């Protein structure tokens, strides 16, 4: 899940139903106290840092084309607001309504942050955001 593999592919690999994978993901989210997969990435990054494992990074698709830059790009205020709201578990539509923008604008912003972080999914974005000091 952390490396960007979809639930369907995990289910096929483990020879279980996609619903079983989703159920286990929900259990994992509950155990670590995460509201969504993105927040799970943030929590895992915090725990790795707390355990003194500073070199841990989530596995990515082909190491996400390249390693993150040594100096992480800073987020503008708008991106930062969206990231914080996502980590709080808010839906894109609720974020859009709060910030008086379209849902598509929120989606483009998230996609842009994922691109800057080299993240294949929101879990990796949460991980990167925590590790790089974006939040």
N, C-alpha and C. Protein backbone atom coordinates (compact mmCIF):
# COMPACT_ATOMS: atom_id res chain seq x y z
N UNK A 1 0.83 -1.18 0.00
CA UNK A 1 0.00 0.00 0.00
C UNK A 1 0.87 1.24 0.00
N UNK A 2 1.92 1.26 0.80
CA UNK A 2 2.76 2.44 0.90
C UNK A 2 3.54 2.69 -0.37
N UNK A 3 3.83 1.66 -1.12
CA UNK A 3 4.61 1.85 -2.33
C UNK A 3 3.76 2.13 -3.56
N UNK A 4 2.51 2.44 -3.40
CA UNK A 4 1.66 2.82 -4.51
C UNK A 4 0.96 1.68 -5.20
N UNK A 5 1.03 0.48 -4.66
CA UNK A 5 0.35 -0.67 -5.26
C UNK A 5 -1.13 -0.58 -4.91
N UNK A 6 -2.00 -0.62 -5.92
CA UNK A 6 -3.43 -0.53 -5.65
C UNK A 6 -3.97 -1.75 -4.90
N UNK A 7 -5.07 -1.55 -4.21
CA UNK A 7 -5.69 -2.63 -3.44
C UNK A 7 -5.97 -3.85 -4.31
N UNK A 8 -6.39 -3.62 -5.54
CA UNK A 8 -6.72 -4.72 -6.44
C UNK A 8 -5.50 -5.60 -6.70
N UNK A 9 -4.33 -4.97 -6.91
CA UNK A 9 -3.11 -5.73 -7.16
C UNK A 9 -2.66 -6.48 -5.91
N UNK A 10 -2.82 -5.86 -4.76
CA UNK A 10 -2.48 -6.53 -3.49
C UNK A 10 -3.37 -7.75 -3.31
N UNK A 11 -4.66 -7.57 -3.58
CA UNK A 11 -5.61 -8.68 -3.44
C UNK A 11 -5.24 -9.84 -4.36
N UNK A 12 -4.88 -9.53 -5.59
CA UNK A 12 -4.51 -10.58 -6.53
C UNK A 12 -3.25 -11.30 -6.06
N UNK A 13 -2.28 -10.55 -5.58
CA UNK A 13 -1.02 -11.14 -5.11
C UNK A 13 -1.24 -12.06 -3.90
N UNK A 14 -2.11 -11.63 -3.00
CA UNK A 14 -2.37 -12.41 -1.79
C UNK A 14 -3.50 -13.43 -1.97
N UNK A 15 -4.11 -13.42 -3.12
CA UNK A 15 -5.21 -14.32 -3.44
C UNK A 15 -6.37 -14.16 -2.45
N UNK A 16 -6.72 -12.92 -2.21
CA UNK A 16 -7.88 -12.59 -1.38
C UNK A 16 -8.71 -11.58 -2.17
N UNK A 17 -9.87 -11.25 -1.66
CA UNK A 17 -10.71 -10.27 -2.35
C UNK A 17 -10.20 -8.86 -2.08
N UNK A 18 -10.53 -7.96 -2.98
CA UNK A 18 -10.18 -6.56 -2.79
C UNK A 18 -10.85 -6.01 -1.53
N UNK A 19 -12.03 -6.49 -1.25
CA UNK A 19 -12.76 -6.06 -0.05
C UNK A 19 -12.00 -6.47 1.22
N UNK A 20 -11.38 -7.66 1.20
CA UNK A 20 -10.58 -8.10 2.34
C UNK A 20 -9.40 -7.17 2.56
N UNK A 21 -8.75 -6.78 1.48
CA UNK A 21 -7.63 -5.84 1.59
C UNK A 21 -8.12 -4.53 2.18
N UNK A 22 -9.23 -4.02 1.68
CA UNK A 22 -9.78 -2.76 2.19
C UNK A 22 -10.15 -2.86 3.66
N UNK A 23 -10.67 -4.01 4.06
CA UNK A 23 -11.02 -4.22 5.47
C UNK A 23 -9.76 -4.18 6.34
N UNK A 24 -8.70 -4.83 5.88
CA UNK A 24 -7.45 -4.83 6.64
C UNK A 24 -6.83 -3.43 6.69
N UNK A 25 -6.96 -2.68 5.63
CA UNK A 25 -6.46 -1.30 5.63
C UNK A 25 -7.22 -0.49 6.66
N UNK A 26 -8.55 -0.66 6.72
CA UNK A 26 -9.35 0.06 7.72
C UNK A 26 -8.92 -0.30 9.14
N UNK A 27 -8.63 -1.58 9.36
CA UNK A 27 -8.17 -2.03 10.68
C UNK A 27 -6.83 -1.38 11.01
N UNK A 28 -5.92 -1.36 10.03
CA UNK A 28 -4.61 -0.74 10.22
C UNK A 28 -4.76 0.75 10.54
N UNK A 29 -5.62 1.42 9.79
CA UNK A 29 -5.86 2.85 10.05
C UNK A 29 -6.35 3.06 11.48
N UNK A 30 -7.27 2.21 11.92
CA UNK A 30 -7.81 2.33 13.27
C UNK A 30 -6.74 2.06 14.33
N UNK A 31 -5.89 1.06 14.07
CA UNK A 31 -4.85 0.72 15.05
C UNK A 31 -3.85 1.84 15.26
N UNK A 32 -3.51 2.55 14.20
CA UNK A 32 -2.52 3.62 14.34
C UNK A 32 -3.17 4.97 14.57
N UNK A 33 -4.50 5.00 14.51
CA UNK A 33 -5.21 6.25 14.78
C UNK A 33 -5.24 7.21 13.60
N UNK A 34 -5.15 6.68 12.39
CA UNK A 34 -5.18 7.52 11.20
C UNK A 34 -6.60 7.59 10.64
N UNK A 35 -6.97 8.74 10.12
CA UNK A 35 -8.29 8.90 9.54
C UNK A 35 -8.32 8.50 8.07
N UNK A 36 -7.16 8.55 7.42
CA UNK A 36 -7.09 8.21 6.00
C UNK A 36 -5.68 7.71 5.68
N UNK A 37 -5.49 7.25 4.45
CA UNK A 37 -4.20 6.68 4.07
C UNK A 37 -3.09 7.72 4.07
N UNK A 38 -3.43 8.94 3.75
CA UNK A 38 -2.42 10.00 3.75
C UNK A 38 -1.90 10.24 5.17
N UNK A 39 -2.81 10.27 6.11
CA UNK A 39 -2.42 10.47 7.50
C UNK A 39 -1.61 9.27 8.00
N UNK A 40 -1.90 8.09 7.47
CA UNK A 40 -1.13 6.90 7.81
C UNK A 40 0.33 7.09 7.43
N UNK A 41 0.58 7.62 6.23
CA UNK A 41 1.95 7.89 5.80
C UNK A 41 2.65 8.84 6.75
N UNK A 42 1.94 9.87 7.20
CA UNK A 42 2.50 10.83 8.15
C UNK A 42 2.84 10.15 9.46
N UNK A 43 1.96 9.33 9.96
CA UNK A 43 2.18 8.64 11.24
C UNK A 43 3.37 7.69 11.13
N UNK A 44 3.44 6.95 10.04
CA UNK A 44 4.57 6.03 9.85
C UNK A 44 5.89 6.77 9.79
N UNK A 45 5.90 7.92 9.14
CA UNK A 45 7.12 8.73 9.08
C UNK A 45 7.52 9.23 10.46
N UNK A 46 6.54 9.65 11.24
CA UNK A 46 6.82 10.11 12.62
C UNK A 46 7.40 8.98 13.46
N UNK A 47 6.81 7.81 13.33
CA UNK A 47 7.29 6.66 14.12
C UNK A 47 8.70 6.27 13.71
N UNK A 48 8.99 6.31 12.40
CA UNK A 48 10.33 5.97 11.94
C UNK A 48 11.34 6.97 12.48
N UNK A 49 10.99 8.23 12.46
CA UNK A 49 11.88 9.27 12.98
C UNK A 49 12.06 9.10 14.49
N UNK A 50 10.97 8.81 15.19
CA UNK A 50 11.01 8.63 16.64
C UNK A 50 11.90 7.45 17.03
N UNK A 51 11.87 6.40 16.20
CA UNK A 51 12.68 5.21 16.45
C UNK A 51 14.13 5.42 16.04
N UNK A 52 14.45 6.61 15.54
CA UNK A 52 15.82 6.90 15.15
C UNK A 52 16.19 6.38 13.78
N UNK A 53 15.21 6.01 13.01
CA UNK A 53 15.47 5.47 11.67
C UNK A 53 15.35 6.61 10.66
N UNK A 54 16.36 7.47 10.60
CA UNK A 54 16.30 8.66 9.78
C UNK A 54 16.43 8.40 8.29
N UNK A 55 16.96 7.27 7.91
CA UNK A 55 17.16 6.99 6.49
C UNK A 55 16.01 6.22 5.87
N UNK A 56 14.97 5.94 6.65
CA UNK A 56 13.84 5.17 6.13
C UNK A 56 13.04 6.06 5.18
N UNK A 57 12.70 5.51 4.06
CA UNK A 57 11.79 6.19 3.14
C UNK A 57 10.88 5.12 2.56
N UNK A 58 9.67 5.50 2.19
CA UNK A 58 8.76 4.49 1.67
C UNK A 58 9.24 4.00 0.32
N UNK A 59 9.06 2.72 0.03
CA UNK A 59 9.41 2.25 -1.30
C UNK A 59 8.50 2.91 -2.32
N UNK A 60 9.05 3.27 -3.44
CA UNK A 60 8.27 3.98 -4.43
C UNK A 60 8.41 3.30 -5.78
N UNK A 61 7.59 3.72 -6.72
CA UNK A 61 7.68 3.17 -8.07
C UNK A 61 8.98 3.63 -8.68
N UNK A 62 9.89 2.68 -8.92
CA UNK A 62 11.24 2.97 -9.43
C UNK A 62 11.90 4.06 -8.59
N UNK A 63 11.72 3.93 -7.28
CA UNK A 63 12.21 4.93 -6.34
C UNK A 63 11.72 6.32 -6.75
N UNK A 64 10.49 6.34 -7.26
CA UNK A 64 9.77 7.53 -7.70
C UNK A 64 10.65 8.39 -8.62
N UNK A 65 11.10 7.77 -9.68
CA UNK A 65 11.88 8.37 -10.73
C UNK A 65 13.19 8.99 -10.25
N UNK A 66 13.20 9.61 -9.11
CA UNK A 66 14.44 10.16 -8.57
C UNK A 66 14.25 10.40 -7.08
N UNK A 67 15.33 10.49 -6.38
CA UNK A 67 15.25 10.74 -4.95
C UNK A 67 14.79 12.17 -4.72
N UNK A 68 14.10 12.43 -3.60
CA UNK A 68 13.70 13.80 -3.29
C UNK A 68 14.94 14.70 -3.19
N UNK A 69 14.74 15.94 -3.54
CA UNK A 69 15.85 16.90 -3.50
C UNK A 69 16.35 17.05 -2.08
N UNK A 70 17.63 17.39 -1.94
CA UNK A 70 18.19 17.54 -0.60
C UNK A 70 17.52 18.70 0.14
N UNK A 71 17.16 19.75 -0.57
CA UNK A 71 16.41 20.85 0.01
C UNK A 71 14.98 20.76 -0.50
N UNK A 72 14.04 20.31 0.33
CA UNK A 72 12.67 20.17 -0.15
C UNK A 72 12.08 21.52 -0.53
N UNK A 73 11.31 21.52 -1.60
CA UNK A 73 10.65 22.75 -2.02
C UNK A 73 9.65 23.16 -0.95
N UNK A 74 9.55 24.44 -0.73
CA UNK A 74 8.58 24.94 0.24
C UNK A 74 7.20 24.99 -0.40
N UNK A 75 6.19 24.83 0.44
CA UNK A 75 4.82 24.94 -0.02
C UNK A 75 4.35 26.37 0.13
N UNK A 76 3.52 26.82 -0.82
CA UNK A 76 2.92 28.14 -0.62
C UNK A 76 1.79 27.98 0.40
N UNK A 77 1.24 29.08 0.83
CA UNK A 77 0.23 29.06 1.89
C UNK A 77 -1.01 28.25 1.48
N UNK A 78 -1.42 28.39 0.22
CA UNK A 78 -2.60 27.67 -0.27
C UNK A 78 -2.37 26.16 -0.23
N UNK A 79 -1.22 25.72 -0.75
CA UNK A 79 -0.89 24.29 -0.73
C UNK A 79 -0.83 23.78 0.71
N UNK A 80 -0.24 24.57 1.57
CA UNK A 80 -0.10 24.18 2.97
C UNK A 80 -1.48 23.99 3.63
N UNK A 81 -2.40 24.90 3.33
CA UNK A 81 -3.76 24.78 3.89
C UNK A 81 -4.42 23.50 3.41
N UNK A 82 -4.30 23.23 2.13
CA UNK A 82 -4.92 22.03 1.57
C UNK A 82 -4.31 20.78 2.19
N UNK A 83 -2.99 20.74 2.31
CA UNK A 83 -2.32 19.58 2.89
C UNK A 83 -2.78 19.35 4.33
N UNK A 84 -2.86 20.40 5.11
CA UNK A 84 -3.30 20.26 6.51
C UNK A 84 -4.73 19.74 6.58
N UNK A 85 -5.59 20.24 5.72
CA UNK A 85 -6.98 19.79 5.72
C UNK A 85 -7.08 18.32 5.30
N UNK A 86 -6.28 17.91 4.31
CA UNK A 86 -6.27 16.51 3.89
C UNK A 86 -5.81 15.62 5.04
N UNK A 87 -4.79 16.05 5.75
CA UNK A 87 -4.27 15.27 6.86
C UNK A 87 -5.26 15.19 8.02
N UNK A 88 -6.16 16.15 8.09
CA UNK A 88 -7.21 16.11 9.11
C UNK A 88 -8.36 15.20 8.69
N UNK A 89 -8.28 14.69 7.46
CA UNK A 89 -9.30 13.77 6.99
C UNK A 89 -10.44 14.41 6.23
N UNK A 90 -10.31 15.67 5.87
CA UNK A 90 -11.38 16.34 5.14
C UNK A 90 -11.40 15.89 3.68
N UNK A 91 -12.57 15.80 3.13
CA UNK A 91 -12.74 15.42 1.73
C UNK A 91 -12.40 16.61 0.83
N UNK A 92 -12.04 16.30 -0.41
CA UNK A 92 -11.70 17.36 -1.36
C UNK A 92 -12.83 18.36 -1.52
N UNK A 93 -14.07 17.87 -1.57
CA UNK A 93 -15.21 18.77 -1.74
C UNK A 93 -15.37 19.71 -0.54
N UNK A 94 -15.12 19.21 0.65
CA UNK A 94 -15.22 20.06 1.85
C UNK A 94 -14.09 21.11 1.86
N UNK A 95 -12.91 20.70 1.44
CA UNK A 95 -11.78 21.64 1.35
C UNK A 95 -12.09 22.73 0.35
N UNK A 96 -12.61 22.33 -0.81
CA UNK A 96 -12.96 23.29 -1.86
C UNK A 96 -13.98 24.30 -1.35
N UNK A 97 -14.98 23.81 -0.65
CA UNK A 97 -16.01 24.71 -0.12
C UNK A 97 -15.43 25.66 0.92
N UNK A 98 -14.58 25.15 1.81
CA UNK A 98 -13.97 25.98 2.85
C UNK A 98 -13.10 27.08 2.25
N UNK A 99 -12.34 26.74 1.21
CA UNK A 99 -11.41 27.70 0.60
C UNK A 99 -12.03 28.48 -0.55
N UNK A 100 -13.30 28.23 -0.85
CA UNK A 100 -14.03 28.91 -1.93
C UNK A 100 -13.35 28.74 -3.28
N UNK A 101 -12.98 27.50 -3.57
CA UNK A 101 -12.42 27.15 -4.86
C UNK A 101 -13.14 25.90 -5.36
N UNK A 102 -12.87 25.53 -6.60
CA UNK A 102 -13.50 24.33 -7.13
C UNK A 102 -12.79 23.08 -6.62
N UNK A 103 -13.51 21.98 -6.67
CA UNK A 103 -12.93 20.68 -6.27
C UNK A 103 -11.77 20.34 -7.19
N UNK A 104 -11.90 20.68 -8.45
CA UNK A 104 -10.85 20.42 -9.43
C UNK A 104 -9.57 21.18 -9.07
N UNK A 105 -9.70 22.39 -8.55
CA UNK A 105 -8.53 23.17 -8.12
C UNK A 105 -7.81 22.44 -6.99
N UNK A 106 -8.58 21.91 -6.07
CA UNK A 106 -7.98 21.14 -4.96
C UNK A 106 -7.27 19.91 -5.52
N UNK A 107 -7.90 19.21 -6.44
CA UNK A 107 -7.29 18.02 -7.04
C UNK A 107 -5.98 18.36 -7.75
N UNK A 108 -5.97 19.46 -8.50
CA UNK A 108 -4.74 19.87 -9.20
C UNK A 108 -3.65 20.23 -8.21
N UNK A 109 -4.03 20.87 -7.13
CA UNK A 109 -3.06 21.25 -6.10
C UNK A 109 -2.44 20.00 -5.47
N UNK A 110 -3.27 19.02 -5.14
CA UNK A 110 -2.78 17.77 -4.55
C UNK A 110 -1.86 17.05 -5.53
N UNK A 111 -2.26 17.01 -6.79
CA UNK A 111 -1.44 16.37 -7.82
C UNK A 111 -0.08 17.07 -7.94
N UNK A 112 -0.09 18.39 -7.87
CA UNK A 112 1.16 19.15 -7.93
C UNK A 112 2.06 18.86 -6.74
N UNK A 113 1.47 18.76 -5.54
CA UNK A 113 2.27 18.43 -4.35
C UNK A 113 2.85 17.03 -4.47
N UNK A 114 2.04 16.09 -4.98
CA UNK A 114 2.54 14.73 -5.16
C UNK A 114 3.70 14.71 -6.14
N UNK A 115 3.61 15.50 -7.18
CA UNK A 115 4.68 15.57 -8.16
C UNK A 115 5.95 16.15 -7.54
N UNK A 116 5.82 17.23 -6.79
CA UNK A 116 7.00 17.84 -6.14
C UNK A 116 7.63 16.90 -5.12
N UNK A 117 6.79 16.09 -4.46
CA UNK A 117 7.30 15.17 -3.45
C UNK A 117 7.80 13.87 -4.06
N UNK A 118 7.48 13.65 -5.33
CA UNK A 118 7.84 12.38 -5.95
C UNK A 118 7.02 11.24 -5.41
N UNK A 119 5.77 11.55 -5.03
CA UNK A 119 4.89 10.56 -4.41
C UNK A 119 3.96 9.95 -5.44
N UNK A 120 3.79 8.65 -5.37
CA UNK A 120 2.89 7.95 -6.28
C UNK A 120 1.46 7.93 -5.76
N UNK A 121 1.28 8.21 -4.47
CA UNK A 121 -0.06 8.21 -3.89
C UNK A 121 -0.08 9.12 -2.67
N UNK A 122 -1.23 9.24 -2.06
CA UNK A 122 -1.38 10.16 -0.93
C UNK A 122 -0.68 9.67 0.33
N UNK A 123 -0.55 8.37 0.47
CA UNK A 123 0.20 7.84 1.61
C UNK A 123 1.64 8.34 1.54
N UNK A 124 2.24 8.22 0.37
CA UNK A 124 3.61 8.69 0.20
C UNK A 124 3.70 10.20 0.37
N UNK A 125 2.66 10.93 -0.07
CA UNK A 125 2.65 12.37 0.12
C UNK A 125 2.65 12.72 1.60
N UNK A 126 1.83 12.01 2.39
CA UNK A 126 1.82 12.25 3.84
C UNK A 126 3.17 11.94 4.46
N UNK A 127 3.78 10.85 4.01
CA UNK A 127 5.11 10.46 4.49
C UNK A 127 6.12 11.57 4.17
N UNK A 128 6.14 11.98 2.92
CA UNK A 128 7.11 12.99 2.49
C UNK A 128 6.87 14.32 3.21
N UNK A 129 5.61 14.69 3.36
CA UNK A 129 5.28 15.96 4.02
C UNK A 129 5.82 15.98 5.45
N UNK A 130 5.71 14.86 6.14
CA UNK A 130 6.21 14.76 7.50
C UNK A 130 7.73 14.80 7.53
N UNK A 131 8.36 14.01 6.66
CA UNK A 131 9.81 13.87 6.66
C UNK A 131 10.53 15.14 6.19
N UNK A 132 9.88 15.90 5.31
CA UNK A 132 10.55 17.07 4.73
C UNK A 132 10.23 18.38 5.46
N UNK A 133 9.34 18.30 6.42
CA UNK A 133 9.01 19.51 7.18
C UNK A 133 7.91 20.35 6.55
N UNK A 134 7.17 19.79 5.60
CA UNK A 134 6.07 20.54 5.00
C UNK A 134 4.96 20.81 6.01
N UNK A 135 4.88 19.95 7.04
CA UNK A 135 3.82 20.15 8.04
C UNK A 135 4.44 20.25 9.43
